[in-house]
């Protein structure tokens, strides 16, 4: 059973231990614990990743753009001394460089690129496209994620598991586009992200780094279950999704179930799956 600092404090008060006795033990335990860094950890899938990895005993570096307002993540941190809350803004390249420098020499076993910007759906329709928003979505979802992955690659090289995991989206699959054109900016950003990670998988293959691209599926982070039950109004931009859910064309999962499946996949992700676009159940998806 790991010796926590709370237990150390109690034993010290009782005169049973000193830091000289315990420090090597804690250092050895910390070195043995794998480390995961998660972006967009303040809500939805991100905070569920943080919760599940923290409960597995991993060292969790949970990042978001505004930690001071991330109340749920702060509460999670209070209950898990192995969770560290940090600030990362994916559109701040200089800030990413500074953050990477603060981790100089620290191994990261798994990087989970979860943070993404969906944007306003109404202004991603043809004839109504907001190009300022388009630029911002690309900056976060594709460019910022690539920048962070590049900056933290030295840390990934030092890790034991050596995995860069990026949450893609079937919305960015060109082959999967149907007769309902929408989400011009978001779809473009995810297609670009898939290409970047595919490219990166070849770049880092000789380092033994596995680059995973995972589609989490439709996860209920926006109250779709309540919309289906009629206890929450359906915004016009979500009406099509709700209709598909009602018809059984697409399935809805909870963050807990989706993250459980994805962690199981990440655990077993093999070099031959590097750069392959996968569903959360490990099934390959079309580009």
Protein backbone atom coordinates (compact mmCIF):
# COMPACT_ATOMS: atom_id res chain seq x y z
CA UNK A 1 0.00 0.00 0.00
CA UNK A 2 1.53 3.38 -0.99
CA UNK A 3 2.58 5.62 1.88
CA UNK A 4 0.86 8.98 1.45
CA UNK A 5 2.10 12.28 2.82
CA UNK A 6 -0.92 12.36 5.16
CA UNK A 7 0.15 9.03 6.65
CA UNK A 8 3.73 10.29 6.85
CA UNK A 9 2.57 13.37 8.78
CA UNK A 10 0.67 11.21 11.27
CA UNK A 11 3.58 8.82 11.80
CA UNK A 12 5.98 11.75 12.20
CA UNK A 13 3.78 13.29 14.89
CA UNK A 14 3.83 9.94 16.68
CA UNK A 15 7.62 9.93 16.41
CA UNK A 16 7.66 6.77 14.34
CA UNK A 17 9.16 8.17 11.13
CA UNK A 18 11.29 11.02 9.84
CA UNK A 19 11.51 12.47 6.34
CA UNK A 20 14.97 10.91 6.02
CA UNK A 21 13.31 7.49 6.37
CA UNK A 22 10.39 8.15 4.07
CA UNK A 23 11.71 10.40 1.29
CA UNK A 24 13.41 7.56 -0.64
CA UNK A 25 10.22 5.49 -0.40
CA UNK A 26 8.02 8.29 -1.77
CA UNK A 27 10.52 9.05 -4.52
CA UNK A 28 10.58 5.39 -5.57
CA UNK A 29 6.79 5.17 -5.54
CA UNK A 30 6.43 8.37 -7.57
CA UNK A 31 8.97 7.15 -10.11
CA UNK A 32 7.00 3.92 -10.51
CA UNK A 33 3.69 5.70 -11.10
CA UNK A 34 2.90 6.42 -14.76
CA UNK A 35 2.04 10.01 -15.68
CA UNK A 36 -0.78 11.19 -17.92
CA UNK A 37 -1.30 14.76 -19.14
CA UNK A 38 -4.85 15.62 -20.22
CA UNK A 39 -5.96 18.78 -22.03
CA UNK A 40 -9.46 20.18 -21.68
CA UNK A 41 -9.80 18.43 -18.33
CA UNK A 42 -12.33 20.85 -16.84
CA UNK A 43 -15.48 19.17 -18.13
CA UNK A 44 -17.06 16.27 -20.00
CA UNK A 45 -14.71 13.65 -21.36
CA UNK A 46 -11.62 15.47 -20.07
CA UNK A 47 -12.61 15.51 -16.41
CA UNK A 48 -13.73 11.88 -16.67
CA UNK A 49 -10.29 10.93 -18.00
CA UNK A 50 -8.75 12.80 -15.06
CA UNK A 51 -11.02 11.06 -12.57
CA UNK A 52 -10.47 7.55 -13.87
CA UNK A 53 -6.69 7.89 -14.21
CA UNK A 54 -6.45 9.46 -10.74
CA UNK A 55 -8.42 6.58 -9.25
CA UNK A 56 -6.01 4.16 -10.94
CA UNK A 57 -3.19 5.80 -8.99
CA UNK A 58 -1.55 7.55 -11.95
CA UNK A 59 0.08 10.94 -11.62
CA UNK A 60 -2.44 13.14 -13.43
CA UNK A 61 -1.55 16.53 -14.91
CA UNK A 62 -4.99 17.95 -15.68
CA UNK A 63 -4.93 21.08 -17.81
CA UNK A 64 -7.49 23.60 -18.96
CA UNK A 65 -7.57 27.17 -20.18
CA UNK A 66 -9.01 28.73 -16.99
CA UNK A 67 -8.16 26.63 -13.89
CA UNK A 68 -9.54 29.30 -11.54
CA UNK A 69 -13.07 28.74 -12.86
CA UNK A 70 -12.80 24.94 -13.15
CA UNK A 71 -14.73 24.23 -9.94
CA UNK A 72 -15.46 20.55 -10.65
CA UNK A 73 -11.82 19.91 -11.47
CA UNK A 74 -10.72 21.74 -8.33
CA UNK A 75 -13.03 19.50 -6.29
CA UNK A 76 -11.53 16.43 -7.96
CA UNK A 77 -8.05 17.68 -7.12
CA UNK A 78 -8.95 18.08 -3.46
CA UNK A 79 -9.84 14.39 -3.30
CA UNK A 80 -6.78 13.14 -5.19
CA UNK A 81 -3.32 14.20 -4.10
CA UNK A 82 -1.89 12.58 -7.25
CA UNK A 83 -3.73 15.12 -9.46
CA UNK A 84 -2.10 18.41 -10.43
CA UNK A 85 -4.13 21.21 -12.02
CA UNK A 86 -2.29 23.36 -14.60
CA UNK A 87 -3.09 26.06 -17.13
CA UNK A 88 -2.66 25.47 -20.86
CA UNK A 89 -4.16 27.68 -23.56
CA UNK A 90 -3.75 25.98 -26.94
CA UNK A 91 -3.77 29.29 -28.83
CA UNK A 92 -0.87 30.63 -26.73
CA UNK A 93 2.26 29.20 -28.39
CA UNK A 94 4.63 31.10 -26.09
CA UNK A 95 2.71 29.83 -23.07
CA UNK A 96 2.97 26.26 -24.35
CA UNK A 97 6.74 26.69 -24.69
CA UNK A 98 6.97 27.99 -21.13
CA UNK A 99 4.88 25.11 -19.85
CA UNK A 100 7.05 22.57 -21.68
CA UNK A 101 10.16 24.17 -20.14
CA UNK A 102 8.62 23.75 -16.68
CA UNK A 103 8.40 20.01 -17.37
CA UNK A 104 11.98 19.74 -18.59
CA UNK A 105 13.23 16.23 -17.82
CA UNK A 106 9.86 14.98 -16.51
CA UNK A 107 8.64 11.76 -18.18
CA UNK A 108 5.08 11.69 -19.52
CA UNK A 109 3.76 8.24 -20.31
CA UNK A 110 0.52 9.27 -22.03
CA UNK A 111 -0.49 12.64 -23.49
CA UNK A 112 -4.23 12.89 -24.13
CA UNK A 113 -5.14 15.67 -26.55
CA UNK A 114 -8.78 16.06 -25.58
CA UNK A 115 -9.34 19.83 -25.68
CA UNK A 116 -11.37 21.02 -28.66
CA UNK A 117 -13.59 23.90 -29.71
CA UNK A 118 -16.93 23.04 -31.34
CA UNK A 119 -18.06 26.62 -31.88
CA UNK A 120 -21.47 27.98 -32.76
CA UNK A 121 -23.22 25.49 -35.06
CA UNK A 122 -25.41 28.13 -36.72
CA UNK A 123 -22.40 30.09 -37.99
CA UNK A 124 -20.84 26.99 -39.53
CA UNK A 125 -23.51 26.63 -42.20
CA UNK A 126 -22.85 27.60 -45.81
CA UNK A 127 -23.85 31.21 -46.38
CA UNK A 128 -23.54 31.99 -42.68
CA UNK A 129 -19.92 31.01 -42.00
CA UNK A 130 -18.17 33.13 -39.38
CA UNK A 131 -14.58 33.11 -40.62
CA UNK A 132 -13.16 34.61 -37.46
CA UNK A 133 -14.65 31.68 -35.55
CA UNK A 134 -13.39 29.34 -38.31
CA UNK A 135 -9.84 30.57 -37.69
CA UNK A 136 -10.20 30.14 -33.93
CA UNK A 137 -11.50 26.56 -34.27
CA UNK A 138 -8.57 25.63 -36.51
CA UNK A 139 -6.16 27.33 -34.09
CA UNK A 140 -7.39 25.27 -31.13
CA UNK A 141 -8.29 21.92 -32.64
CA UNK A 142 -5.48 21.48 -35.15
CA UNK A 143 -2.64 23.97 -34.71
CA UNK A 144 -2.66 24.19 -30.91
CA UNK A 145 -2.91 20.43 -30.47
CA UNK A 146 -0.02 19.91 -32.88
CA UNK A 147 2.05 22.56 -31.09
CA UNK A 148 1.53 20.95 -27.69
CA UNK A 149 2.31 17.47 -29.03
CA UNK A 150 5.54 18.73 -30.59
CA UNK A 151 6.58 20.63 -27.46
CA UNK A 152 5.99 17.66 -25.15
CA UNK A 153 7.55 14.99 -27.38
CA UNK A 154 10.85 15.12 -25.39
CA UNK A 155 8.84 14.24 -22.27
CA UNK A 156 7.01 11.43 -24.07
CA UNK A 157 10.38 10.00 -25.15
CA UNK A 158 11.33 9.77 -21.45
CA UNK A 159 8.14 7.92 -20.53
CA UNK A 160 7.69 4.19 -20.27
CA UNK A 161 4.48 3.87 -22.30
CA UNK A 162 5.32 6.56 -24.88
CA UNK A 163 1.84 7.34 -26.21
CA UNK A 164 0.33 10.47 -27.74
CA UNK A 165 -3.45 10.06 -27.86
CA UNK A 166 -5.62 12.50 -29.78
CA UNK A 167 -9.40 12.50 -29.75
CA UNK A 168 -10.49 12.80 -33.34
CA UNK A 169 -14.04 12.80 -34.66
CA UNK A 170 -16.10 11.02 -37.28
CA UNK A 171 -17.17 14.57 -38.23
CA UNK A 172 -13.67 14.91 -39.70
CA UNK A 173 -13.93 11.74 -41.78
CA UNK A 174 -14.25 12.80 -45.44
CA UNK A 175 -15.58 9.39 -46.43
CA UNK A 176 -18.32 9.58 -43.80
CA UNK A 177 -19.86 12.90 -44.87
CA UNK A 178 -23.51 12.33 -45.79
CA UNK A 179 -26.08 14.53 -47.48
CA UNK A 180 -26.33 17.01 -44.61
CA UNK A 181 -23.48 19.50 -45.05
CA UNK A 182 -22.78 21.41 -41.86
CA UNK A 183 -20.04 22.20 -39.34
CA UNK A 184 -17.68 23.50 -42.01
CA UNK A 185 -15.09 24.79 -39.52
CA UNK A 186 -15.25 21.95 -37.01
CA UNK A 187 -15.14 19.23 -39.69
CA UNK A 188 -12.19 20.91 -41.40
CA UNK A 189 -10.30 21.23 -38.10
CA UNK A 190 -10.75 17.56 -37.25
CA UNK A 191 -9.77 16.41 -40.75
CA UNK A 192 -6.62 18.54 -40.43
CA UNK A 193 -5.98 17.10 -36.97
CA UNK A 194 -6.26 13.54 -38.27
CA UNK A 195 -3.71 14.28 -41.00
CA UNK A 196 -1.31 15.93 -38.57
CA UNK A 197 -1.42 12.97 -36.20
CA UNK A 198 -1.04 10.50 -39.06
CA UNK A 199 2.04 12.41 -40.18
CA UNK A 200 3.34 12.50 -36.62
CA UNK A 201 2.99 8.73 -36.27
CA UNK A 202 5.60 8.24 -39.00
CA UNK A 203 7.81 10.98 -37.55
CA UNK A 204 7.99 9.33 -34.13
CA UNK A 205 7.93 5.65 -35.08
CA UNK A 206 11.68 5.22 -34.62
CA UNK A 207 11.35 6.65 -31.09
CA UNK A 208 8.88 3.91 -30.20
CA UNK A 209 6.13 6.48 -29.67
CA UNK A 210 2.61 5.33 -30.52
CA UNK A 211 0.29 8.04 -31.87
CA UNK A 212 -3.33 7.08 -31.28
CA UNK A 213 -6.25 8.77 -33.05
CA UNK A 214 -9.52 7.84 -31.35
CA UNK A 215 -13.11 8.72 -32.18
CA UNK A 216 -15.00 8.73 -28.84
CA UNK A 217 -18.40 8.61 -30.55
CA UNK A 218 -21.36 10.70 -29.46
CA UNK A 219 -20.81 11.27 -25.75
CA UNK A 220 -23.51 12.96 -23.71
CA UNK A 221 -21.70 16.11 -22.63
CA UNK A 222 -24.51 18.42 -23.79
CA UNK A 223 -27.63 16.93 -22.20
CA UNK A 224 -28.83 14.80 -25.13
CA UNK A 225 -30.34 12.22 -22.77
CA UNK A 226 -32.54 14.93 -21.26
CA UNK A 227 -33.51 16.14 -24.74
CA UNK A 228 -34.53 12.59 -25.67
CA UNK A 229 -36.55 12.27 -22.47
CA UNK A 230 -38.30 15.58 -23.14
CA UNK A 231 -37.06 17.15 -19.91
CA UNK A 232 -34.82 19.62 -21.73
CA UNK A 233 -35.67 21.73 -24.79
CA UNK A 234 -33.93 20.80 -28.05
CA UNK A 235 -31.93 23.68 -29.58
CA UNK A 236 -32.56 23.89 -33.34
CA UNK A 237 -28.92 23.11 -34.11
CA UNK A 238 -29.21 19.78 -32.24
CA UNK A 239 -32.55 18.71 -33.69
CA UNK A 240 -30.95 16.58 -36.43
CA UNK A 241 -28.75 14.74 -33.92
CA UNK A 242 -31.72 14.09 -31.63
CA UNK A 243 -33.75 12.74 -34.58
CA UNK A 244 -30.89 10.34 -35.44
CA UNK A 245 -30.71 9.22 -31.81
CA UNK A 246 -34.44 8.59 -31.71
CA UNK A 247 -34.20 6.57 -34.93
CA UNK A 248 -31.35 4.51 -33.51
CA UNK A 249 -29.01 5.56 -36.32
CA UNK A 250 -26.39 6.75 -33.83
CA UNK A 251 -25.81 5.70 -30.25
CA UNK A 252 -25.29 7.87 -27.20
CA UNK A 253 -22.82 7.00 -24.42
CA UNK A 254 -22.06 8.53 -21.05
CA UNK A 255 -18.65 10.11 -20.38
CA UNK A 256 -17.92 7.34 -17.85
CA UNK A 257 -18.63 4.54 -20.33
CA UNK A 258 -16.83 6.23 -23.21
CA UNK A 259 -13.70 6.96 -21.18
CA UNK A 260 -13.65 3.44 -19.72
CA UNK A 261 -13.64 2.05 -23.27
CA UNK A 262 -10.98 4.51 -24.45
CA UNK A 263 -8.64 3.83 -21.53
CA UNK A 264 -8.90 0.11 -22.23
CA UNK A 265 -7.96 0.81 -25.85
CA UNK A 266 -5.10 3.14 -24.85
CA UNK A 267 -3.72 0.50 -22.48
CA UNK A 268 -3.48 -2.04 -25.29
CA UNK A 269 -2.64 0.28 -28.18
CA UNK A 270 0.12 -1.34 -30.23
CA UNK A 271 2.71 0.14 -32.63
CA UNK A 272 0.83 -1.24 -35.66
CA UNK A 273 -2.16 0.90 -34.60
CA UNK A 274 -0.11 4.08 -34.54
CA UNK A 275 -1.54 6.65 -36.93
CA UNK A 276 -4.68 4.58 -37.55
CA UNK A 277 -8.06 6.28 -37.07
CA UNK A 278 -9.91 4.10 -34.56
CA UNK A 279 -13.30 3.95 -32.94
CA UNK A 280 -13.34 3.69 -29.15
CA UNK A 281 -13.84 -0.08 -29.52
CA UNK A 282 -10.68 -0.37 -31.64
CA UNK A 283 -12.46 -0.67 -35.00
CA UNK A 284 -10.64 1.23 -37.80
CA UNK A 285 -12.55 4.15 -39.30
CA UNK A 286 -12.30 5.65 -42.80
CA UNK A 287 -10.41 8.88 -43.37
